[in-house]
């Protein structure tokens, strides 16, 4: 039987670059800014320079394709990749334009993440499949991830 365990929470800023309407949908690149992550077994900073190559389809439904690099406080480098679904929402837009932040669950914002590292202290991450949810904030995005474990 599978169960979920809290893995980490992270947030980072983004810089938005609209690519425009393509034959495949409306493409936007979100360049990853600095951020932080923390969980029961690791914490550190998110290095700037990764990205989310978001593809928005019809009806506001979008596909996320994200890559970023974590650096733990003790110097390990971790490649983080996740895909997911996001639905643009009038409720979220209203909250953000009013100076607030969205809450987890305000809209469809779900991800599936995997990790890769050569640092043996965190080699366990190479075998983690995580799922999570996100929310938009004034400065970027905030996620909470859970590892899928055999129970």
N, C-alpha and C. Protein backbone atom coordinates (compact mmCIF):
# COMPACT_ATOMS: atom_id res chain seq x y z
N UNK A 1 0.85 -1.17 0.00
CA UNK A 1 0.00 0.00 0.00
C UNK A 1 0.90 1.24 0.00
N UNK A 2 0.51 2.22 -0.77
CA UNK A 2 1.27 3.47 -0.84
C UNK A 2 0.72 4.48 0.16
N UNK A 3 1.62 5.33 0.65
CA UNK A 3 1.20 6.42 1.52
C UNK A 3 2.04 7.65 1.19
N UNK A 4 1.62 8.79 1.68
CA UNK A 4 2.32 10.05 1.44
C UNK A 4 2.99 10.52 2.72
N UNK A 5 4.22 11.00 2.59
CA UNK A 5 4.94 11.60 3.71
C UNK A 5 5.40 12.99 3.31
N UNK A 6 5.30 13.98 4.21
CA UNK A 6 5.80 15.32 3.88
C UNK A 6 7.28 15.25 3.49
N UNK A 7 7.62 15.86 2.36
CA UNK A 7 8.99 15.86 1.88
C UNK A 7 9.63 17.23 2.06
N UNK A 8 9.01 18.26 1.49
CA UNK A 8 9.56 19.60 1.63
C UNK A 8 8.57 20.63 1.13
N UNK A 9 8.84 21.85 1.51
CA UNK A 9 8.09 23.00 1.02
C UNK A 9 9.11 23.96 0.43
N UNK A 10 8.76 24.58 -0.69
CA UNK A 10 9.69 25.53 -1.28
C UNK A 10 8.96 26.67 -1.96
N UNK A 11 9.65 27.78 -2.08
CA UNK A 11 9.12 28.94 -2.79
C UNK A 11 10.25 29.64 -3.51
N UNK A 12 9.90 30.27 -4.62
CA UNK A 12 10.89 31.04 -5.37
C UNK A 12 10.19 32.11 -6.19
N UNK A 13 10.95 33.13 -6.53
CA UNK A 13 10.45 34.16 -7.42
C UNK A 13 10.52 33.70 -8.86
N UNK A 14 9.84 34.44 -9.74
CA UNK A 14 9.89 34.14 -11.17
C UNK A 14 9.92 35.44 -11.96
N UNK A 15 10.51 35.36 -13.15
CA UNK A 15 10.47 36.43 -14.13
C UNK A 15 9.74 35.87 -15.34
N UNK A 16 8.72 36.57 -15.81
CA UNK A 16 7.83 36.04 -16.84
C UNK A 16 8.22 36.57 -18.22
N UNK A 17 8.35 35.64 -19.18
CA UNK A 17 8.61 35.99 -20.58
C UNK A 17 7.55 35.30 -21.44
N UNK A 18 6.68 36.09 -22.07
CA UNK A 18 5.65 35.52 -22.93
C UNK A 18 6.25 35.24 -24.31
N UNK A 19 6.17 34.00 -24.73
CA UNK A 19 6.63 33.61 -26.06
C UNK A 19 5.52 33.88 -27.08
N UNK A 20 4.28 33.76 -26.65
CA UNK A 20 3.14 34.04 -27.51
C UNK A 20 2.44 32.79 -27.97
N UNK A 21 1.45 33.00 -28.85
CA UNK A 21 0.68 31.88 -29.37
C UNK A 21 1.51 31.15 -30.42
N UNK A 22 1.64 29.85 -30.21
CA UNK A 22 2.37 29.00 -31.14
C UNK A 22 1.38 27.97 -31.69
N UNK A 23 1.79 27.17 -32.66
CA UNK A 23 0.88 26.13 -33.15
C UNK A 23 0.47 25.13 -32.07
N UNK A 24 1.20 25.10 -30.94
CA UNK A 24 0.94 24.13 -29.89
C UNK A 24 0.16 24.71 -28.71
N UNK A 25 -0.02 26.02 -28.68
CA UNK A 25 -0.70 26.69 -27.58
C UNK A 25 0.00 27.99 -27.24
N UNK A 26 -0.40 28.61 -26.16
CA UNK A 26 0.19 29.88 -25.71
C UNK A 26 1.35 29.56 -24.78
N UNK A 27 2.57 29.87 -25.20
CA UNK A 27 3.79 29.48 -24.48
C UNK A 27 4.31 30.66 -23.65
N UNK A 28 4.63 30.37 -22.38
CA UNK A 28 5.25 31.35 -21.49
C UNK A 28 6.42 30.69 -20.79
N UNK A 29 7.54 31.41 -20.69
CA UNK A 29 8.68 30.92 -19.93
C UNK A 29 8.75 31.69 -18.62
N UNK A 30 8.77 30.96 -17.52
CA UNK A 30 8.93 31.55 -16.20
C UNK A 30 10.35 31.23 -15.74
N UNK A 31 11.22 32.24 -15.75
CA UNK A 31 12.60 32.03 -15.32
C UNK A 31 12.63 32.01 -13.79
N UNK A 32 13.25 30.98 -13.24
CA UNK A 32 13.29 30.78 -11.80
C UNK A 32 14.21 31.79 -11.14
N UNK A 33 13.70 32.45 -10.11
CA UNK A 33 14.51 33.33 -9.28
C UNK A 33 14.97 32.59 -8.03
N UNK A 34 15.65 33.31 -7.17
CA UNK A 34 16.13 32.70 -5.93
C UNK A 34 14.97 32.29 -5.05
N UNK A 35 15.22 31.30 -4.21
CA UNK A 35 14.20 30.84 -3.29
C UNK A 35 14.80 29.97 -2.21
N UNK A 36 13.92 29.38 -1.41
CA UNK A 36 14.34 28.51 -0.30
C UNK A 36 13.48 27.25 -0.30
N UNK A 37 14.04 26.18 0.24
CA UNK A 37 13.29 24.95 0.46
C UNK A 37 13.62 24.42 1.84
N UNK A 38 12.68 23.70 2.42
CA UNK A 38 12.91 23.11 3.73
C UNK A 38 11.97 21.93 3.94
N UNK A 39 12.53 20.86 4.48
CA UNK A 39 11.76 19.68 4.82
C UNK A 39 12.39 18.99 6.00
N UNK A 40 11.82 17.87 6.44
CA UNK A 40 12.34 17.16 7.60
C UNK A 40 13.79 16.68 7.44
N UNK A 41 14.23 16.40 6.20
CA UNK A 41 15.56 15.83 6.00
C UNK A 41 16.52 16.71 5.19
N UNK A 42 16.06 17.87 4.74
CA UNK A 42 16.94 18.73 3.95
C UNK A 42 16.40 20.15 3.92
N UNK A 43 17.33 21.10 3.73
CA UNK A 43 16.94 22.49 3.55
C UNK A 43 18.06 23.22 2.83
N UNK A 44 17.69 24.32 2.21
CA UNK A 44 18.70 25.09 1.49
C UNK A 44 18.07 26.14 0.61
N UNK A 45 18.80 26.48 -0.47
CA UNK A 45 18.33 27.55 -1.34
C UNK A 45 18.11 27.03 -2.75
N UNK A 46 17.24 27.73 -3.47
CA UNK A 46 17.00 27.45 -4.87
C UNK A 46 17.85 28.41 -5.67
N UNK A 47 18.65 27.88 -6.58
CA UNK A 47 19.52 28.72 -7.39
C UNK A 47 18.72 29.35 -8.52
N UNK A 48 18.99 30.62 -8.82
CA UNK A 48 18.28 31.25 -9.94
C UNK A 48 18.74 30.67 -11.27
N UNK A 49 17.85 30.70 -12.25
CA UNK A 49 18.25 30.31 -13.59
C UNK A 49 17.55 29.12 -14.19
N UNK A 50 16.80 28.37 -13.41
CA UNK A 50 16.00 27.30 -14.00
C UNK A 50 14.80 27.89 -14.70
N UNK A 51 13.84 27.07 -15.04
CA UNK A 51 12.68 27.61 -15.71
C UNK A 51 11.48 26.69 -15.71
N UNK A 52 10.34 27.29 -16.01
CA UNK A 52 9.09 26.58 -16.26
C UNK A 52 8.67 26.96 -17.66
N UNK A 53 8.58 25.97 -18.54
CA UNK A 53 8.17 26.19 -19.91
C UNK A 53 6.70 25.83 -20.03
N UNK A 54 5.85 26.75 -19.57
CA UNK A 54 4.41 26.53 -19.45
C UNK A 54 3.74 26.62 -20.82
N UNK A 55 2.86 25.68 -21.08
CA UNK A 55 2.07 25.67 -22.31
C UNK A 55 0.60 25.73 -21.93
N UNK A 56 -0.04 26.85 -22.29
CA UNK A 56 -1.45 27.06 -21.95
C UNK A 56 -2.31 26.63 -23.13
N UNK A 57 -3.22 25.72 -22.84
CA UNK A 57 -4.13 25.25 -23.87
C UNK A 57 -5.46 25.97 -23.78
N UNK A 58 -6.48 25.36 -24.33
CA UNK A 58 -7.80 25.98 -24.33
C UNK A 58 -8.43 25.86 -22.94
N UNK A 59 -9.31 26.79 -22.63
CA UNK A 59 -10.03 26.75 -21.37
C UNK A 59 -9.20 27.06 -20.15
N UNK A 60 -7.99 27.61 -20.35
CA UNK A 60 -7.16 27.99 -19.22
C UNK A 60 -6.33 26.88 -18.61
N UNK A 61 -6.44 25.65 -19.14
CA UNK A 61 -5.66 24.54 -18.61
C UNK A 61 -4.25 24.59 -19.20
N UNK A 62 -3.25 24.44 -18.32
CA UNK A 62 -1.85 24.55 -18.74
C UNK A 62 -1.05 23.36 -18.26
N UNK A 63 0.02 23.05 -19.03
CA UNK A 63 0.96 22.01 -18.66
C UNK A 63 2.24 22.67 -18.17
N UNK A 64 2.72 22.25 -17.01
CA UNK A 64 3.97 22.74 -16.44
C UNK A 64 5.10 21.81 -16.84
N UNK A 65 6.27 22.38 -17.10
CA UNK A 65 7.49 21.61 -17.41
C UNK A 65 8.63 22.38 -16.75
N UNK A 66 9.01 21.99 -15.53
CA UNK A 66 9.90 22.79 -14.69
C UNK A 66 11.20 22.06 -14.39
N UNK A 67 12.29 22.83 -14.43
CA UNK A 67 13.60 22.33 -14.02
C UNK A 67 14.26 23.41 -13.18
N UNK A 68 14.83 22.99 -12.05
CA UNK A 68 15.53 23.95 -11.19
C UNK A 68 16.59 23.21 -10.40
N UNK A 69 17.47 23.98 -9.76
CA UNK A 69 18.56 23.40 -8.97
C UNK A 69 18.44 23.84 -7.53
N UNK A 70 18.47 22.86 -6.63
CA UNK A 70 18.53 23.12 -5.19
C UNK A 70 19.98 22.97 -4.74
N UNK A 71 20.37 23.82 -3.80
CA UNK A 71 21.66 23.67 -3.11
C UNK A 71 21.36 23.58 -1.62
N UNK A 72 21.70 22.45 -1.01
CA UNK A 72 21.42 22.29 0.42
C UNK A 72 22.35 23.19 1.23
N UNK A 73 21.96 23.45 2.47
CA UNK A 73 22.78 24.29 3.34
C UNK A 73 24.15 23.68 3.61
N UNK A 74 24.29 22.36 3.40
CA UNK A 74 25.60 21.73 3.58
C UNK A 74 26.30 21.45 2.24
N UNK A 75 25.86 22.12 1.17
CA UNK A 75 26.61 22.14 -0.08
C UNK A 75 26.26 21.12 -1.15
N UNK A 76 25.26 20.29 -0.95
CA UNK A 76 24.88 19.31 -1.98
C UNK A 76 24.07 20.00 -3.08
N UNK A 77 24.29 19.57 -4.32
CA UNK A 77 23.53 20.08 -5.46
C UNK A 77 22.51 19.03 -5.87
N UNK A 78 21.26 19.47 -6.09
CA UNK A 78 20.17 18.56 -6.43
C UNK A 78 19.43 19.10 -7.64
N UNK A 79 19.34 18.29 -8.69
CA UNK A 79 18.54 18.63 -9.87
C UNK A 79 17.09 18.26 -9.56
N UNK A 80 16.18 19.19 -9.78
CA UNK A 80 14.77 18.98 -9.51
C UNK A 80 14.00 19.18 -10.81
N UNK A 81 13.16 18.23 -11.14
CA UNK A 81 12.34 18.31 -12.35
C UNK A 81 10.91 17.93 -11.98
N UNK A 82 9.97 18.73 -12.48
CA UNK A 82 8.59 18.34 -12.27
C UNK A 82 7.70 18.79 -13.41
N UNK A 83 6.66 18.03 -13.59
CA UNK A 83 5.62 18.35 -14.56
C UNK A 83 4.32 18.44 -13.79
N UNK A 84 3.35 19.09 -14.40
CA UNK A 84 2.09 19.20 -13.70
C UNK A 84 1.03 19.90 -14.51
N UNK A 85 -0.07 20.18 -13.83
CA UNK A 85 -1.20 20.87 -14.43
C UNK A 85 -1.54 22.11 -13.62
N UNK A 86 -1.91 23.15 -14.33
CA UNK A 86 -2.34 24.40 -13.69
C UNK A 86 -3.52 24.94 -14.48
N UNK A 87 -4.52 25.43 -13.76
CA UNK A 87 -5.66 26.07 -14.42
C UNK A 87 -5.72 27.53 -14.00
N UNK A 88 -5.65 28.41 -14.98
CA UNK A 88 -5.79 29.84 -14.69
C UNK A 88 -7.19 30.08 -14.14
N UNK A 89 -7.27 30.93 -13.10
CA UNK A 89 -8.52 31.11 -12.36
C UNK A 89 -8.76 32.59 -12.08
N UNK A 90 -10.00 33.04 -12.29
CA UNK A 90 -10.36 34.42 -11.97
C UNK A 90 -10.19 34.70 -10.48
N UNK A 91 -10.49 33.72 -9.64
CA UNK A 91 -10.35 33.89 -8.18
C UNK A 91 -8.90 34.19 -7.80
N UNK A 92 -7.96 33.44 -8.38
CA UNK A 92 -6.54 33.66 -8.09
C UNK A 92 -6.10 35.01 -8.62
N UNK A 93 -6.50 35.35 -9.83
CA UNK A 93 -6.15 36.65 -10.41
C UNK A 93 -6.64 37.79 -9.54
N UNK A 94 -7.85 37.69 -9.02
CA UNK A 94 -8.41 38.72 -8.15
C UNK A 94 -7.61 38.85 -6.86
N UNK A 95 -7.25 37.72 -6.25
CA UNK A 95 -6.46 37.77 -5.01
C UNK A 95 -5.10 38.42 -5.25
N UNK A 96 -4.44 38.05 -6.34
CA UNK A 96 -3.11 38.60 -6.63
C UNK A 96 -3.19 40.08 -6.97
N UNK A 97 -4.18 40.48 -7.75
CA UNK A 97 -4.29 41.89 -8.12
C UNK A 97 -4.67 42.76 -6.93
N UNK A 98 -5.26 42.15 -5.90
CA UNK A 98 -5.60 42.86 -4.68
C UNK A 98 -4.47 42.89 -3.66
N UNK A 99 -3.29 42.38 -4.05
CA UNK A 99 -2.13 42.40 -3.16
C UNK A 99 -1.98 41.17 -2.30
N UNK A 100 -2.86 40.19 -2.47
CA UNK A 100 -2.80 38.98 -1.66
C UNK A 100 -2.09 37.84 -2.36
N UNK A 101 -2.27 36.67 -1.81
CA UNK A 101 -1.72 35.44 -2.38
C UNK A 101 -2.84 34.42 -2.46
N UNK A 102 -2.71 33.49 -3.38
CA UNK A 102 -3.69 32.42 -3.44
C UNK A 102 -3.39 31.40 -2.34
N UNK A 103 -4.35 30.54 -2.10
CA UNK A 103 -4.19 29.47 -1.12
C UNK A 103 -4.07 28.14 -1.85
N UNK A 104 -3.45 27.16 -1.20
CA UNK A 104 -3.43 25.83 -1.78
C UNK A 104 -4.88 25.38 -1.97
N UNK A 105 -5.19 24.87 -3.14
CA UNK A 105 -6.53 24.40 -3.43
C UNK A 105 -7.44 25.42 -4.10
N UNK A 106 -6.99 26.67 -4.24
CA UNK A 106 -7.82 27.67 -4.91
C UNK A 106 -8.08 27.32 -6.37
N UNK A 107 -7.14 26.64 -6.99
CA UNK A 107 -7.28 26.22 -8.38
C UNK A 107 -6.48 24.94 -8.58
N UNK A 108 -6.67 24.31 -9.71
CA UNK A 108 -5.88 23.13 -10.05
C UNK A 108 -4.42 23.55 -10.23
N UNK A 109 -3.53 23.06 -9.37
CA UNK A 109 -2.10 23.40 -9.43
C UNK A 109 -1.38 22.22 -8.78
N UNK A 110 -1.17 21.15 -9.56
CA UNK A 110 -0.62 19.90 -9.04
C UNK A 110 0.60 19.49 -9.85
N UNK A 111 1.57 18.87 -9.14
CA UNK A 111 2.82 18.50 -9.80
C UNK A 111 3.27 17.10 -9.39
N UNK A 112 4.12 16.53 -10.23
CA UNK A 112 4.81 15.26 -9.96
C UNK A 112 6.29 15.55 -10.15
N UNK A 113 7.11 15.30 -9.10
CA UNK A 113 8.52 15.70 -9.10
C UNK A 113 9.45 14.51 -8.92
N UNK A 114 10.65 14.66 -9.52
CA UNK A 114 11.74 13.71 -9.32
C UNK A 114 13.02 14.49 -9.07
N UNK A 115 13.99 13.81 -8.46
CA UNK A 115 15.23 14.45 -8.02
C UNK A 115 16.42 13.64 -8.50
N UNK A 116 17.55 14.34 -8.67
CA UNK A 116 18.78 13.68 -9.07
C UNK A 116 19.96 14.37 -8.40
N UNK A 117 20.80 13.57 -7.74
CA UNK A 117 22.00 14.12 -7.11
C UNK A 117 23.10 13.07 -7.10
N UNK A 118 24.33 13.55 -7.13
CA UNK A 118 25.49 12.68 -6.99
C UNK A 118 26.04 12.67 -5.58
N UNK A 119 25.47 13.49 -4.70
CA UNK A 119 25.93 13.58 -3.32
C UNK A 119 25.35 12.42 -2.52
N UNK A 120 26.21 11.58 -1.98
CA UNK A 120 25.76 10.36 -1.29
C UNK A 120 24.92 10.65 -0.05
N UNK A 121 25.08 11.82 0.56
CA UNK A 121 24.26 12.15 1.73
C UNK A 121 22.78 12.26 1.37
N UNK A 122 22.52 12.55 0.11
CA UNK A 122 21.14 12.73 -0.35
C UNK A 122 20.77 11.74 -1.46
N UNK A 123 21.53 10.65 -1.57
CA UNK A 123 21.28 9.65 -2.62
C UNK A 123 19.87 9.08 -2.54
N UNK A 124 19.29 9.07 -1.36
CA UNK A 124 17.92 8.57 -1.19
C UNK A 124 16.92 9.33 -2.08
N UNK A 125 17.24 10.60 -2.41
CA UNK A 125 16.35 11.40 -3.25
C UNK A 125 16.24 10.84 -4.67
N UNK A 126 17.29 10.16 -5.13
CA UNK A 126 17.26 9.59 -6.48
C UNK A 126 16.14 8.57 -6.66
N UNK A 127 15.63 8.04 -5.56
CA UNK A 127 14.57 7.03 -5.61
C UNK A 127 13.21 7.57 -5.17
N UNK A 128 13.11 8.89 -5.03
CA UNK A 128 11.86 9.50 -4.57
C UNK A 128 11.02 9.94 -5.77
N UNK A 129 9.76 9.59 -5.72
CA UNK A 129 8.76 10.15 -6.61
C UNK A 129 7.84 10.95 -5.71
N UNK A 130 7.70 12.24 -6.01
CA UNK A 130 6.91 13.12 -5.15
C UNK A 130 5.73 13.70 -5.92
N UNK A 131 4.69 14.00 -5.19
CA UNK A 131 3.57 14.74 -5.75
C UNK A 131 3.33 15.94 -4.84
N UNK A 132 2.68 16.94 -5.38
CA UNK A 132 2.44 18.10 -4.56
C UNK A 132 1.46 19.07 -5.18
N UNK A 133 1.30 20.17 -4.48
CA UNK A 133 0.42 21.22 -4.93
C UNK A 133 1.13 22.56 -4.81
N UNK A 134 0.68 23.49 -5.62
CA UNK A 134 1.29 24.81 -5.61
C UNK A 134 0.27 25.90 -5.43
N UNK A 135 0.80 27.09 -5.22
CA UNK A 135 -0.04 28.29 -5.15
C UNK A 135 0.79 29.46 -5.62
N UNK A 136 0.12 30.48 -6.13
CA UNK A 136 0.80 31.68 -6.56
C UNK A 136 0.86 32.69 -5.42
N UNK A 137 1.97 33.42 -5.36
CA UNK A 137 2.15 34.48 -4.37
C UNK A 137 2.50 35.76 -5.12
N UNK A 138 2.60 36.86 -4.39
CA UNK A 138 2.98 38.12 -5.02
C UNK A 138 4.37 38.05 -5.64
N UNK A 139 5.26 37.28 -5.04
CA UNK A 139 6.64 37.24 -5.53
C UNK A 139 6.95 36.04 -6.42
N UNK A 140 6.02 35.10 -6.54
CA UNK A 140 6.31 33.92 -7.35
C UNK A 140 5.39 32.77 -7.04
N UNK A 141 5.99 31.64 -6.65
CA UNK A 141 5.22 30.42 -6.39
C UNK A 141 5.66 29.78 -5.08
N UNK A 142 4.77 28.98 -4.52
CA UNK A 142 5.01 28.27 -3.27
C UNK A 142 4.46 26.85 -3.47
N UNK A 143 5.25 25.84 -3.12
CA UNK A 143 4.84 24.45 -3.30
C UNK A 143 5.02 23.67 -2.00
N UNK A 144 4.18 22.65 -1.82
CA UNK A 144 4.42 21.65 -0.79
C UNK A 144 4.40 20.29 -1.48
N UNK A 145 5.47 19.51 -1.22
CA UNK A 145 5.64 18.21 -1.86
C UNK A 145 5.58 17.09 -0.83
N UNK A 146 5.08 15.95 -1.28
CA UNK A 146 4.97 14.75 -0.46
C UNK A 146 5.61 13.60 -1.22
N UNK A 147 6.43 12.80 -0.54
CA UNK A 147 7.01 11.63 -1.19
C UNK A 147 6.02 10.47 -1.10
N UNK A 148 6.00 9.68 -2.16
CA UNK A 148 5.17 8.48 -2.20
C UNK A 148 6.03 7.34 -1.68
N UNK A 149 5.58 6.71 -0.59
CA UNK A 149 6.37 5.64 0.03
C UNK A 149 5.51 4.39 0.17
N UNK A 150 6.19 3.26 0.19
CA UNK A 150 5.49 2.00 0.44
C UNK A 150 5.19 1.93 1.93
N UNK A 151 3.96 1.57 2.25
CA UNK A 151 3.55 1.57 3.64
C UNK A 151 3.46 0.25 4.26
